[in-house]
Amino acid sequence: MDPLSELLSLLKPRSYVSGGIALNRELAIQWPQHDGIKCYAVVSGQCWLSVEGVADPILLTAGDCYLLPPGPPFSLATDLTVQPVNFAVLRAARSLTNPTTGGGEEGCFLVGGHFLLTGHHADMLLGPLPPIVHIQNESDKTTMRWSLERMAEEVRLPQPGSALIVQQLAYMMLIQALRLHVNDSASTSVGWLFSLADKQLSMALACMHEDPGHDWTLRKLAMKVGMSRSSFAKHFKAKVGAAPIEYLTHWRMLLACDRLKNANDSIARIATSLGYESESAFGKAFKRVIGCSPRQHQ
């Protein structure tokens, strides 16, 4: 698997909710602070997205997509002059607009999902993201159009199995949005996620991900990508935000966390498979990165 697919697999995104949101005209809905990541796109109409702490609201039009990493309360509004209504109050009163109506004329209809990440070090994925990721380029909208249209159809005209299809399409939208954001922002942003758009760094990351137990050194990785050791080290640290071997250690510990929880392998076997000569050396690295011993994590 490629690095992004591998990290998403380890973080095990779990769909907390997926489906449609319909906003009638002259309506504003406020959501509370949230964990996980929200990914929604506008099917029809338009609305304003406001996030607490972000100065200006963002106008979302048909085809636009937004990502919200874990963060403060936010609201969606078809009219900024209307006082937002608490989402929980609307849900408890069963006053939410039926998404199959699409919000009616002058309303707004969105589809997407809210995902909780259950693996360790979700900040590797979410840390580099700004408070709002707004996908709005026409070429990007075209890329997402198929999954957006299919999801809208399943929400508006539900059939047997629609709930599962909607979950999978929402997950597809999330991955597409992350890829588009990486490609649009890679030249100016720092973080593991954006390094995937760099050919040489992506190759180095792939080497570490494909064979984490290999005796990788700075020199070996630099040779793999055709760079001098000093140039590679400087470029990697500048774009990823961590030194190559530091990143490798963190990746090994992510794999170890997953295997300690989900496999029957002994600690010694996990240590050897990840390139450590002794269980003791592995244990020290694990505690330094994770904050507890491997046995405490099991």
Protein backbone atom coordinates (compact mmCIF):
# COMPACT_ATOMS: atom_id res chain seq x y z
CA MET A 1 0.00 0.00 0.00
CA ASP A 2 1.02 3.62 -0.44
CA PRO A 3 1.87 5.68 2.72
CA LEU A 4 -1.48 7.51 2.93
CA SER A 5 -3.45 4.26 2.59
CA GLU A 6 -1.27 2.61 5.24
CA LEU A 7 -1.70 5.44 7.73
CA LEU A 8 -5.47 5.57 7.22
CA SER A 9 -5.60 1.80 7.75
CA LEU A 10 -3.72 2.13 11.04
CA LEU A 11 -5.84 5.06 12.23
CA LYS A 12 -8.95 3.03 11.38
CA PRO A 13 -11.35 5.89 10.55
CA ARG A 14 -14.77 4.94 11.87
CA SER A 15 -17.82 6.58 10.39
CA TYR A 16 -19.57 8.33 13.28
CA VAL A 17 -22.29 9.63 11.01
CA SER A 18 -22.71 9.87 7.25
CA GLY A 19 -25.50 11.06 5.02
CA GLY A 20 -27.14 14.34 4.08
CA ILE A 21 -27.81 17.72 5.65
CA ALA A 22 -30.58 19.92 4.30
CA LEU A 23 -30.78 23.62 5.17
CA ASN A 24 -33.92 25.59 4.38
CA ARG A 25 -33.62 29.24 3.41
CA GLU A 26 -33.14 31.64 6.32
CA LEU A 27 -31.72 28.89 8.53
CA ALA A 28 -28.47 28.58 10.48
CA ILE A 29 -27.37 25.50 12.47
CA GLN A 30 -24.61 25.46 15.09
CA TRP A 31 -22.55 22.32 15.82
CA PRO A 32 -20.46 21.89 19.00
CA GLN A 33 -16.75 21.30 19.31
CA HIS A 34 -15.91 17.96 17.70
CA ASP A 35 -13.30 15.21 17.56
CA GLY A 36 -12.35 13.36 14.41
CA ILE A 37 -12.63 14.88 10.96
CA LYS A 38 -15.70 16.12 9.10
CA CYS A 39 -15.90 16.02 5.32
CA TYR A 40 -18.95 17.38 3.48
CA ALA A 41 -19.71 18.71 0.02
CA VAL A 42 -22.51 20.89 -1.35
CA VAL A 43 -24.83 19.11 -3.78
CA SER A 44 -27.14 22.05 -4.51
CA GLY A 45 -27.70 25.61 -3.38
CA GLN A 46 -25.20 27.51 -1.27
CA CYS A 47 -24.49 28.24 2.38
CA TRP A 48 -21.97 29.92 4.66
CA LEU A 49 -19.51 27.97 6.81
CA SER A 50 -18.35 29.76 9.96
CA VAL A 51 -15.81 28.29 12.39
CA GLU A 52 -15.19 29.78 15.81
CA GLY A 53 -11.79 31.48 15.81
CA VAL A 54 -11.71 31.95 12.02
CA ALA A 55 -12.32 35.57 11.14
CA ASP A 56 -14.49 35.35 8.03
CA PRO A 57 -17.22 32.90 6.99
CA ILE A 58 -16.67 30.92 3.79
CA LEU A 59 -19.28 30.77 1.06
CA LEU A 60 -19.85 27.21 -0.13
CA THR A 61 -21.46 26.71 -3.53
CA ALA A 62 -22.50 23.60 -5.45
CA GLY A 63 -19.58 21.19 -5.80
CA ASP A 64 -17.52 22.78 -3.01
CA CYS A 65 -16.16 20.44 -0.33
CA TYR A 66 -14.83 21.23 3.12
CA LEU A 67 -12.78 19.34 5.70
CA LEU A 68 -12.83 20.24 9.38
CA PRO A 69 -10.15 18.62 11.55
CA PRO A 70 -10.86 18.28 15.30
CA GLY A 71 -11.74 21.72 16.49
CA PRO A 72 -14.11 24.37 17.80
CA PRO A 73 -17.84 24.87 17.19
CA PHE A 74 -18.95 25.77 13.69
CA SER A 75 -22.14 26.68 11.87
CA LEU A 76 -23.74 26.36 8.45
CA ALA A 77 -26.16 29.08 7.38
CA THR A 78 -28.16 30.00 4.31
CA ASP A 79 -28.55 33.47 5.84
CA LEU A 80 -25.83 35.05 7.98
CA THR A 81 -28.31 37.41 9.65
CA VAL A 82 -30.19 34.50 11.26
CA GLN A 83 -29.31 33.41 14.81
CA PRO A 84 -27.90 29.85 14.67
CA VAL A 85 -29.95 27.07 16.25
CA ASN A 86 -28.19 24.37 18.24
CA PHE A 87 -27.96 21.14 16.23
CA ALA A 88 -28.64 18.98 19.31
CA VAL A 89 -31.84 20.93 20.03
CA LEU A 90 -33.08 20.47 16.46
CA ARG A 91 -32.26 16.78 16.53
CA ALA A 92 -33.96 16.22 19.89
CA ALA A 93 -37.08 18.04 18.67
CA ARG A 94 -36.92 16.12 15.39
CA SER A 95 -36.99 19.45 13.61
CA LEU A 96 -34.16 18.77 11.20
CA THR A 97 -35.15 19.09 7.56
CA ASN A 98 -35.52 15.74 5.83
CA PRO A 99 -32.43 15.45 3.57
CA THR A 100 -34.49 13.75 0.86
CA THR A 101 -36.08 17.15 0.17
CA GLY A 102 -32.70 18.74 -0.51
CA GLY A 103 -33.57 21.88 1.44
CA GLY A 104 -36.16 23.13 -1.04
CA GLU A 105 -35.87 26.23 -3.18
CA GLU A 106 -33.18 28.67 -1.98
CA GLY A 107 -32.02 26.03 0.48
CA CYS A 108 -28.80 24.03 0.54
CA PHE A 109 -28.18 20.28 0.41
CA LEU A 110 -24.90 18.72 1.56
CA VAL A 111 -23.64 15.14 1.85
CA GLY A 112 -20.65 13.69 3.64
CA GLY A 113 -19.53 12.16 6.89
CA HIS A 114 -17.91 12.59 10.29
CA PHE A 115 -15.06 10.18 11.00
CA LEU A 116 -13.43 9.30 14.30
CA LEU A 117 -9.81 8.12 14.20
CA THR A 118 -9.09 5.29 16.62
CA GLY A 119 -5.37 4.67 16.02
CA HIS A 120 -2.37 6.35 17.64
CA HIS A 121 -0.79 9.57 16.40
CA ALA A 122 -3.75 10.88 14.40
CA ASP A 123 -1.87 14.20 14.46
CA MET A 124 0.36 12.79 11.70
CA LEU A 125 -2.67 13.10 9.43
CA LEU A 126 -4.60 15.95 11.03
CA GLY A 127 -1.84 18.10 12.54
CA PRO A 128 -0.78 19.80 9.27
CA LEU A 129 -4.36 20.67 8.28
CA PRO A 130 -5.66 24.25 8.66
CA PRO A 131 -8.89 24.88 10.61
CA ILE A 132 -10.84 24.75 7.33
CA VAL A 133 -9.85 22.94 4.15
CA HIS A 134 -11.94 24.39 1.31
CA ILE A 135 -11.93 22.44 -1.96
CA GLN A 136 -13.29 24.83 -4.57
CA ASN A 137 -11.22 24.66 -7.77
CA GLU A 138 -13.30 23.64 -10.78
CA SER A 139 -10.92 20.80 -11.65
CA ASP A 140 -11.13 19.52 -8.08
CA LYS A 141 -14.93 19.67 -8.15
CA THR A 142 -14.88 17.60 -11.33
CA THR A 143 -12.73 14.99 -9.59
CA MET A 144 -15.23 14.65 -6.75
CA ARG A 145 -18.39 14.91 -8.83
CA TRP A 146 -18.98 11.18 -9.33
CA SER A 147 -18.86 10.21 -5.65
CA LEU A 148 -20.84 13.34 -4.73
CA GLU A 149 -23.64 12.57 -7.19
CA ARG A 150 -23.78 8.88 -6.22
CA MET A 151 -23.98 9.74 -2.54
CA ALA A 152 -26.70 12.34 -3.08
CA GLU A 153 -28.73 9.79 -5.02
CA GLU A 154 -28.45 7.20 -2.23
CA VAL A 155 -29.52 9.78 0.38
CA ARG A 156 -32.45 11.12 -1.63
CA LEU A 157 -33.70 7.74 -2.86
CA PRO A 158 -32.62 5.20 -0.22
CA GLN A 159 -32.72 1.52 -1.17
CA PRO A 160 -31.69 -1.67 0.64
CA GLY A 161 -28.01 -1.31 1.49
CA SER A 162 -27.97 2.47 1.04
CA ALA A 163 -26.62 3.12 4.54
CA LEU A 164 -23.47 1.10 3.87
CA ILE A 165 -23.01 2.58 0.39
CA VAL A 166 -23.30 6.09 1.84
CA GLN A 167 -20.63 5.27 4.45
CA GLN A 168 -18.23 3.99 1.80
CA LEU A 169 -18.85 6.94 -0.51
CA ALA A 170 -18.26 9.37 2.38
CA TYR A 171 -14.94 7.65 3.07
CA MET A 172 -14.05 7.93 -0.62
CA MET A 173 -14.86 11.65 -0.52
CA LEU A 174 -12.60 12.08 2.51
CA ILE A 175 -9.63 10.45 0.75
CA GLN A 176 -10.25 12.42 -2.44
CA ALA A 177 -10.42 15.69 -0.50
CA LEU A 178 -7.17 14.92 1.33
CA ARG A 179 -5.42 14.13 -1.95
CA LEU A 180 -6.68 17.30 -3.60
CA HIS A 181 -5.64 19.43 -0.64
CA VAL A 182 -2.16 17.88 -0.66
CA ASN A 183 -1.69 18.61 -4.36
CA ASP A 184 -2.98 22.18 -4.00
CA SER A 185 -0.98 23.08 -0.89
CA ALA A 186 2.20 20.99 -1.04
CA SER A 187 4.45 23.83 -2.19
CA THR A 188 3.66 26.08 0.77
CA SER A 189 2.77 23.69 3.60
CA VAL A 190 4.90 21.64 5.97
CA GLY A 191 4.00 18.21 7.31
CA TRP A 192 4.06 14.53 6.55
CA LEU A 193 0.88 14.74 4.51
CA PHE A 194 2.23 17.35 2.10
CA SER A 195 5.52 15.52 1.58
CA LEU A 196 3.56 12.87 -0.33
CA ALA A 197 3.35 15.28 -3.27
CA ASP A 198 7.16 15.52 -3.41
CA LYS A 199 8.52 12.81 -5.70
CA GLN A 200 11.77 12.20 -3.84
CA LEU A 201 10.31 12.41 -0.34
CA SER A 202 7.38 10.22 -1.32
CA MET A 203 9.88 7.62 -2.56
CA ALA A 204 11.78 7.74 0.73
CA LEU A 205 8.58 7.41 2.74
CA ALA A 206 7.49 4.47 0.59
CA CYS A 207 10.81 2.72 1.29
CA MET A 208 10.35 3.10 5.05
CA HIS A 209 6.72 2.03 4.91
CA GLU A 210 7.31 -0.98 2.67
CA ASP A 211 10.21 -2.35 4.74
CA PRO A 212 10.16 -0.78 8.22
CA GLY A 213 12.42 -3.47 9.66
CA HIS A 214 15.24 -2.74 7.25
CA ASP A 215 18.43 -1.22 8.61
CA TRP A 216 17.71 2.18 7.11
CA THR A 217 20.29 4.91 7.54
CA LEU A 218 20.35 8.47 6.32
CA ARG A 219 22.89 7.48 3.66
CA LYS A 220 20.82 4.53 2.40
CA LEU A 221 17.65 6.60 2.11
CA ALA A 222 19.48 9.44 0.35
CA MET A 223 20.93 6.99 -2.16
CA LYS A 224 17.47 5.53 -2.82
CA VAL A 225 16.13 8.91 -3.90
CA GLY A 226 19.27 10.11 -5.69
CA MET A 227 20.26 12.91 -3.31
CA SER A 228 23.30 13.70 -1.22
CA ARG A 229 22.96 12.82 2.44
CA SER A 230 23.05 16.44 3.61
CA SER A 231 20.60 17.67 0.95
CA PHE A 232 18.19 14.84 1.67
CA ALA A 233 18.32 15.39 5.44
CA LYS A 234 17.71 19.12 5.06
CA HIS A 235 14.90 18.70 2.52
CA PHE A 236 13.18 15.96 4.54
CA LYS A 237 13.27 17.95 7.79
CA ALA A 238 12.04 21.11 6.06
CA LYS A 239 9.04 19.42 4.40
CA VAL A 240 8.10 16.66 6.86
CA GLY A 241 8.94 18.51 10.05
CA ALA A 242 11.05 15.66 11.47
CA ALA A 243 14.40 14.07 10.67
CA PRO A 244 14.23 10.90 8.49
CA ILE A 245 15.28 8.46 11.23
CA GLU A 246 12.98 10.19 13.74
CA TYR A 247 10.11 9.71 11.32
CA LEU A 248 11.09 6.06 10.80
CA THR A 249 11.03 5.45 14.55
CA HIS A 250 7.56 6.98 14.86
CA TRP A 251 6.29 4.88 11.97
CA ARG A 252 7.68 1.71 13.54
CA MET A 253 5.95 2.54 16.81
CA LEU A 254 2.63 3.07 15.02
CA LEU A 255 2.98 -0.38 13.51
CA ALA A 256 3.94 -1.80 16.89
CA CYS A 257 0.87 -0.25 18.56
CA ASP A 258 -1.39 -1.85 15.99
CA ARG A 259 0.21 -5.27 16.31
CA LEU A 260 0.23 -5.18 20.11
CA LYS A 261 -3.52 -4.54 20.06
CA ASN A 262 -4.61 -6.63 17.11
CA ALA A 263 -2.14 -9.51 16.68
CA ASN A 264 -0.92 -12.39 18.82
CA ASP A 265 2.77 -11.74 18.14
CA SER A 266 5.14 -11.61 21.10
CA ILE A 267 6.90 -8.37 21.94
CA ALA A 268 10.21 -9.96 20.99
CA ARG A 269 8.90 -10.94 17.57
CA ILE A 270 7.48 -7.47 16.94
CA ALA A 271 10.77 -5.92 17.98
CA THR A 272 12.78 -8.10 15.59
CA SER A 273 10.39 -7.51 12.68
CA LEU A 274 10.77 -3.74 13.12
CA GLY A 275 14.55 -3.79 13.05
CA TYR A 276 15.45 -3.86 16.76
CA GLU A 277 18.19 -6.21 17.89
CA SER A 278 16.74 -6.65 21.35
CA GLU A 279 13.43 -6.38 23.15
CA SER A 280 15.07 -3.91 25.52
CA ALA A 281 16.07 -1.50 22.72
CA PHE A 282 12.58 -1.74 21.27
CA GLY A 283 11.01 -1.11 24.68
CA LYS A 284 13.07 2.05 25.22
CA ALA A 285 12.12 3.43 21.79
CA PHE A 286 8.46 2.53 22.34
CA LYS A 287 8.28 4.27 25.73
CA ARG A 288 10.03 7.37 24.35
CA VAL A 289 7.51 7.72 21.50
CA ILE A 290 4.27 6.32 22.96
CA GLY A 291 4.77 7.20 26.61
CA CYS A 292 4.34 3.74 28.11
CA SER A 293 5.95 0.30 27.84
CA PRO A 294 4.82 -2.22 25.21
CA ARG A 295 3.35 -4.44 27.94
CA GLN A 296 1.31 -1.56 29.36
CA HIS A 297 -0.04 -0.87 25.87
CA GLN A 298 -1.26 -4.44 25.28
